[in-house]
Amino acid sequence: MRFATPDNLEHLPVWRNYLCGQLTHASLGMLSPRIVLAGVEEEGEKVALHFLVDPPLSEDYPEIAQIVDEFNDLTGDQLQISTNIQVWEPGNDPQGVDWVYRRWLGWESV
């Protein structure tokens, strides 16, 4: 089985799944109760990690930075990784992001 790389996107679904798996691994045991959504958005070598927080507090930023560092360690030096931290608002999830984590918010309608 061949895996996609940023410079060979022939197997793009596998590449996206790989990035989702690495973000999941990087965030194990690291997500605070205030993080509502965590996900990854990619465009080849450009990868954006998204965190929607309710409400964001100063202690969330070092935790998220540690997740990003771990993700970088897992994926290597070829990627251009950016981080997007936003205040979570119901129904305002960015499009094009593969969400790997969603906090349970009760029996809300989706």
N, C-alpha and C. Protein backbone atom coordinates (compact mmCIF):
# COMPACT_ATOMS: atom_id res chain seq x y z
N MET A 1 0.84 -1.18 0.00
CA MET A 1 0.00 0.00 0.00
C MET A 1 0.89 1.24 0.00
N ARG A 2 0.61 2.17 -0.90
CA ARG A 2 1.35 3.43 -0.97
C ARG A 2 0.58 4.52 -0.26
N PHE A 3 1.29 5.35 0.48
CA PHE A 3 0.68 6.46 1.17
C PHE A 3 0.98 7.76 0.43
N ALA A 4 0.07 8.67 0.49
CA ALA A 4 0.27 9.98 -0.12
C ALA A 4 1.24 10.79 0.72
N THR A 5 1.95 11.67 0.06
CA THR A 5 2.83 12.62 0.73
C THR A 5 2.46 14.00 0.21
N PRO A 6 2.93 15.07 0.84
CA PRO A 6 2.56 16.41 0.36
C PRO A 6 2.94 16.66 -1.09
N ASP A 7 4.02 16.04 -1.57
CA ASP A 7 4.43 16.27 -2.96
C ASP A 7 3.86 15.24 -3.93
N ASN A 8 3.14 14.23 -3.44
CA ASN A 8 2.51 13.22 -4.28
C ASN A 8 1.11 12.96 -3.74
N LEU A 9 0.15 13.70 -4.24
CA LEU A 9 -1.21 13.64 -3.70
C LEU A 9 -2.08 12.63 -4.43
N GLU A 10 -1.45 11.67 -5.09
CA GLU A 10 -2.20 10.65 -5.81
C GLU A 10 -3.18 9.91 -4.90
N HIS A 11 -2.79 9.70 -3.67
CA HIS A 11 -3.63 8.98 -2.71
C HIS A 11 -4.19 9.94 -1.67
N LEU A 12 -4.79 11.04 -2.13
CA LEU A 12 -5.23 12.12 -1.25
C LEU A 12 -6.11 11.66 -0.09
N PRO A 13 -7.11 10.80 -0.28
CA PRO A 13 -7.91 10.41 0.90
C PRO A 13 -7.06 9.76 1.98
N VAL A 14 -6.05 9.01 1.58
CA VAL A 14 -5.18 8.39 2.57
C VAL A 14 -4.37 9.47 3.30
N TRP A 15 -3.91 10.48 2.57
CA TRP A 15 -3.14 11.58 3.18
C TRP A 15 -3.98 12.31 4.21
N ARG A 16 -5.25 12.60 3.86
CA ARG A 16 -6.14 13.29 4.80
C ARG A 16 -6.38 12.45 6.03
N ASN A 17 -6.60 11.16 5.84
CA ASN A 17 -6.80 10.26 6.98
C ASN A 17 -5.55 10.19 7.85
N TYR A 18 -4.39 10.19 7.23
CA TYR A 18 -3.13 10.18 7.97
C TYR A 18 -3.03 11.42 8.86
N LEU A 19 -3.33 12.60 8.31
CA LEU A 19 -3.25 13.84 9.09
C LEU A 19 -4.26 13.81 10.25
N CYS A 20 -5.47 13.32 9.99
CA CYS A 20 -6.48 13.21 11.06
C CYS A 20 -5.98 12.27 12.16
N GLY A 21 -5.39 11.17 11.76
CA GLY A 21 -4.86 10.22 12.75
C GLY A 21 -3.74 10.82 13.57
N GLN A 22 -2.87 11.60 12.94
CA GLN A 22 -1.76 12.21 13.67
C GLN A 22 -2.25 13.29 14.64
N LEU A 23 -3.28 14.06 14.24
CA LEU A 23 -3.83 15.05 15.17
C LEU A 23 -4.51 14.36 16.34
N THR A 24 -5.21 13.28 16.06
CA THR A 24 -5.85 12.52 17.14
C THR A 24 -4.79 12.01 18.11
N HIS A 25 -3.73 11.45 17.58
CA HIS A 25 -2.65 10.93 18.42
C HIS A 25 -1.99 12.06 19.23
N ALA A 26 -1.73 13.19 18.57
CA ALA A 26 -1.07 14.32 19.23
C ALA A 26 -1.90 14.90 20.36
N SER A 27 -3.22 14.77 20.27
CA SER A 27 -4.09 15.42 21.25
C SER A 27 -4.57 14.46 22.35
N LEU A 28 -4.15 13.21 22.32
CA LEU A 28 -4.60 12.25 23.34
C LEU A 28 -4.26 12.75 24.75
N GLY A 29 -5.28 12.88 25.56
CA GLY A 29 -5.10 13.32 26.94
C GLY A 29 -4.76 14.78 27.11
N MET A 30 -4.78 15.56 26.01
CA MET A 30 -4.36 16.94 26.07
C MET A 30 -5.50 17.95 25.93
N LEU A 31 -6.66 17.53 25.53
CA LEU A 31 -7.75 18.48 25.24
C LEU A 31 -8.47 18.87 26.52
N SER A 32 -8.48 20.17 26.78
CA SER A 32 -9.17 20.67 27.97
C SER A 32 -10.69 20.56 27.76
N PRO A 33 -11.47 20.61 28.83
CA PRO A 33 -12.92 20.55 28.70
C PRO A 33 -13.51 21.74 27.94
N ARG A 34 -12.73 22.80 27.77
CA ARG A 34 -13.25 23.97 27.06
C ARG A 34 -13.12 23.85 25.54
N ILE A 35 -12.29 22.92 25.06
CA ILE A 35 -12.17 22.73 23.62
C ILE A 35 -13.39 21.96 23.14
N VAL A 36 -14.14 22.57 22.23
CA VAL A 36 -15.37 21.96 21.71
C VAL A 36 -15.07 21.15 20.45
N LEU A 37 -14.26 21.70 19.55
CA LEU A 37 -13.92 21.03 18.30
C LEU A 37 -12.43 21.12 18.04
N ALA A 38 -11.86 20.06 17.49
CA ALA A 38 -10.47 20.07 17.03
C ALA A 38 -10.45 19.37 15.68
N GLY A 39 -9.74 19.98 14.74
CA GLY A 39 -9.71 19.40 13.40
C GLY A 39 -8.52 19.86 12.60
N VAL A 40 -8.41 19.28 11.41
CA VAL A 40 -7.29 19.57 10.52
C VAL A 40 -7.83 19.91 9.13
N GLU A 41 -7.22 20.89 8.52
CA GLU A 41 -7.54 21.31 7.16
C GLU A 41 -6.23 21.28 6.38
N GLU A 42 -6.24 20.69 5.19
CA GLU A 42 -4.98 20.58 4.47
C GLU A 42 -5.13 21.00 3.02
N GLU A 43 -4.01 21.50 2.52
CA GLU A 43 -3.88 21.79 1.12
C GLU A 43 -2.44 21.44 0.75
N GLY A 44 -2.22 20.14 0.51
CA GLY A 44 -0.87 19.67 0.23
C GLY A 44 0.02 19.81 1.44
N GLU A 45 1.07 20.61 1.31
CA GLU A 45 2.02 20.81 2.41
C GLU A 45 1.53 21.81 3.45
N LYS A 46 0.48 22.57 3.12
CA LYS A 46 -0.06 23.55 4.06
C LYS A 46 -1.15 22.89 4.89
N VAL A 47 -0.95 22.88 6.19
CA VAL A 47 -1.88 22.23 7.11
C VAL A 47 -2.27 23.24 8.18
N ALA A 48 -3.57 23.38 8.41
CA ALA A 48 -4.07 24.25 9.47
C ALA A 48 -4.76 23.39 10.53
N LEU A 49 -4.36 23.55 11.76
CA LEU A 49 -5.01 22.87 12.87
C LEU A 49 -6.01 23.85 13.48
N HIS A 50 -7.25 23.42 13.62
CA HIS A 50 -8.33 24.26 14.11
C HIS A 50 -8.77 23.80 15.50
N PHE A 51 -8.93 24.77 16.39
CA PHE A 51 -9.44 24.50 17.73
C PHE A 51 -10.51 25.54 18.03
N LEU A 52 -11.73 25.07 18.30
CA LEU A 52 -12.82 25.96 18.69
C LEU A 52 -13.03 25.77 20.19
N VAL A 53 -12.95 26.86 20.94
CA VAL A 53 -12.90 26.80 22.39
C VAL A 53 -14.05 27.61 22.98
N ASP A 54 -14.61 27.13 24.08
CA ASP A 54 -15.73 27.80 24.74
C ASP A 54 -15.54 27.76 26.25
N PRO A 55 -15.22 28.83 26.87
CA PRO A 55 -14.58 30.05 26.38
C PRO A 55 -13.07 29.83 26.40
N PRO A 56 -12.32 30.50 25.53
CA PRO A 56 -10.86 30.34 25.56
C PRO A 56 -10.26 31.07 26.76
N LEU A 57 -9.41 30.37 27.48
CA LEU A 57 -8.71 30.95 28.62
C LEU A 57 -7.21 30.87 28.36
N SER A 58 -6.45 31.67 29.04
CA SER A 58 -5.01 31.74 28.78
C SER A 58 -4.32 30.39 28.97
N GLU A 59 -4.82 29.54 29.87
CA GLU A 59 -4.17 28.24 30.08
C GLU A 59 -4.41 27.27 28.92
N ASP A 60 -5.34 27.59 28.01
CA ASP A 60 -5.57 26.73 26.84
C ASP A 60 -4.45 26.87 25.81
N TYR A 61 -3.82 28.01 25.72
CA TYR A 61 -2.84 28.26 24.66
C TYR A 61 -1.59 27.40 24.79
N PRO A 62 -0.98 27.24 25.98
CA PRO A 62 0.17 26.34 26.08
C PRO A 62 -0.21 24.89 25.76
N GLU A 63 -1.41 24.49 26.16
CA GLU A 63 -1.89 23.13 25.89
C GLU A 63 -2.02 22.91 24.38
N ILE A 64 -2.61 23.88 23.69
CA ILE A 64 -2.76 23.77 22.24
C ILE A 64 -1.39 23.81 21.57
N ALA A 65 -0.49 24.64 22.05
CA ALA A 65 0.87 24.69 21.50
C ALA A 65 1.57 23.35 21.65
N GLN A 66 1.33 22.66 22.76
CA GLN A 66 1.93 21.35 22.97
C GLN A 66 1.34 20.33 21.98
N ILE A 67 0.05 20.41 21.71
CA ILE A 67 -0.57 19.54 20.71
C ILE A 67 0.04 19.79 19.33
N VAL A 68 0.20 21.06 18.98
CA VAL A 68 0.78 21.42 17.68
C VAL A 68 2.22 20.92 17.59
N ASP A 69 3.01 21.07 18.66
CA ASP A 69 4.38 20.56 18.66
C ASP A 69 4.41 19.05 18.47
N GLU A 70 3.54 18.35 19.15
CA GLU A 70 3.47 16.89 19.02
C GLU A 70 3.06 16.50 17.60
N PHE A 71 2.08 17.22 17.03
CA PHE A 71 1.66 16.96 15.65
C PHE A 71 2.84 17.18 14.70
N ASN A 72 3.59 18.24 14.91
CA ASN A 72 4.77 18.52 14.08
C ASN A 72 5.80 17.40 14.21
N ASP A 73 6.03 16.92 15.42
CA ASP A 73 6.97 15.81 15.63
C ASP A 73 6.51 14.56 14.89
N LEU A 74 5.22 14.30 14.89
CA LEU A 74 4.68 13.10 14.26
C LEU A 74 4.68 13.17 12.73
N THR A 75 4.56 14.36 12.18
CA THR A 75 4.42 14.48 10.72
C THR A 75 5.70 14.91 10.02
N GLY A 76 6.70 15.37 10.72
CA GLY A 76 7.97 15.72 10.11
C GLY A 76 8.06 17.18 9.73
N ASP A 77 9.15 17.51 9.04
CA ASP A 77 9.49 18.90 8.76
C ASP A 77 8.96 19.43 7.43
N GLN A 78 8.31 18.61 6.62
CA GLN A 78 7.89 19.05 5.29
C GLN A 78 6.66 19.94 5.30
N LEU A 79 5.89 19.91 6.37
CA LEU A 79 4.62 20.63 6.39
C LEU A 79 4.76 22.06 6.89
N GLN A 80 3.92 22.93 6.36
CA GLN A 80 3.78 24.30 6.86
C GLN A 80 2.53 24.31 7.73
N ILE A 81 2.72 24.27 9.03
CA ILE A 81 1.60 24.11 9.97
C ILE A 81 1.22 25.46 10.54
N SER A 82 -0.07 25.78 10.45
CA SER A 82 -0.60 26.98 11.11
C SER A 82 -1.67 26.54 12.10
N THR A 83 -1.98 27.42 13.02
CA THR A 83 -2.96 27.11 14.06
C THR A 83 -4.04 28.17 14.06
N ASN A 84 -5.28 27.73 14.13
CA ASN A 84 -6.43 28.62 14.16
C ASN A 84 -7.22 28.33 15.44
N ILE A 85 -7.21 29.27 16.37
CA ILE A 85 -7.96 29.13 17.62
C ILE A 85 -9.08 30.16 17.59
N GLN A 86 -10.32 29.68 17.71
CA GLN A 86 -11.48 30.56 17.64
C GLN A 86 -12.40 30.29 18.82
N VAL A 87 -13.21 31.29 19.11
CA VAL A 87 -14.28 31.11 20.09
C VAL A 87 -15.37 30.29 19.42
N TRP A 88 -15.82 29.23 20.10
CA TRP A 88 -16.86 28.38 19.55
C TRP A 88 -18.22 29.05 19.70
N GLU A 89 -18.98 29.02 18.61
CA GLU A 89 -20.37 29.47 18.62
C GLU A 89 -21.20 28.40 17.93
N PRO A 90 -22.36 28.05 18.48
CA PRO A 90 -23.17 26.99 17.87
C PRO A 90 -23.44 27.26 16.39
N GLY A 91 -23.23 26.23 15.58
CA GLY A 91 -23.54 26.32 14.15
C GLY A 91 -22.56 27.13 13.33
N ASN A 92 -21.43 27.52 13.91
CA ASN A 92 -20.48 28.35 13.19
C ASN A 92 -19.15 27.60 13.02
N ASP A 93 -19.23 26.33 12.56
CA ASP A 93 -18.04 25.52 12.36
C ASP A 93 -17.46 25.81 10.98
N PRO A 94 -16.15 26.11 10.89
CA PRO A 94 -15.54 26.37 9.58
C PRO A 94 -15.72 25.19 8.64
N GLN A 95 -15.97 25.48 7.38
CA GLN A 95 -16.15 24.44 6.36
C GLN A 95 -14.78 23.98 5.85
N GLY A 96 -14.71 22.76 5.36
CA GLY A 96 -13.48 22.22 4.79
C GLY A 96 -12.52 21.66 5.82
N VAL A 97 -12.96 21.56 7.06
CA VAL A 97 -12.11 21.03 8.13
C VAL A 97 -12.57 19.61 8.43
N ASP A 98 -11.60 18.71 8.56
CA ASP A 98 -11.89 17.34 9.00
C ASP A 98 -11.80 17.34 10.53
N TRP A 99 -12.96 17.26 11.18
CA TRP A 99 -13.01 17.33 12.64
C TRP A 99 -12.69 15.96 13.21
N VAL A 100 -11.75 15.91 14.13
CA VAL A 100 -11.36 14.65 14.75
C VAL A 100 -11.86 14.55 16.19
N TYR A 101 -12.35 15.67 16.73
CA TYR A 101 -12.84 15.68 18.10
C TYR A 101 -14.01 16.64 18.20
N ARG A 102 -15.05 16.20 18.88
CA ARG A 102 -16.19 17.07 19.20
C ARG A 102 -16.63 16.73 20.61
N ARG A 103 -16.60 17.72 21.47
CA ARG A 103 -17.03 17.53 22.86
C ARG A 103 -18.52 17.27 22.90
N TRP A 104 -18.93 16.39 23.76
CA TRP A 104 -20.35 16.09 23.95
C TRP A 104 -21.02 17.29 24.61
N LEU A 105 -22.04 17.83 23.94
CA LEU A 105 -22.73 19.01 24.46
C LEU A 105 -24.17 18.72 24.85
N GLY A 106 -24.48 17.46 25.01
CA GLY A 106 -25.85 17.08 25.33
C GLY A 106 -26.60 16.71 24.08
N TRP A 107 -27.89 16.65 24.18
CA TRP A 107 -28.73 16.21 23.07
C TRP A 107 -29.08 17.38 22.15
N GLU A 108 -28.08 18.07 21.66
CA GLU A 108 -28.31 19.19 20.76
C GLU A 108 -28.70 18.67 19.38
N SER A 109 -29.33 19.52 18.63
CA SER A 109 -29.63 19.15 17.24
C SER A 109 -28.43 19.54 16.39
N VAL A 110 -28.11 18.69 15.43
CA VAL A 110 -26.93 18.92 14.60
C VAL A 110 -27.35 19.52 13.28
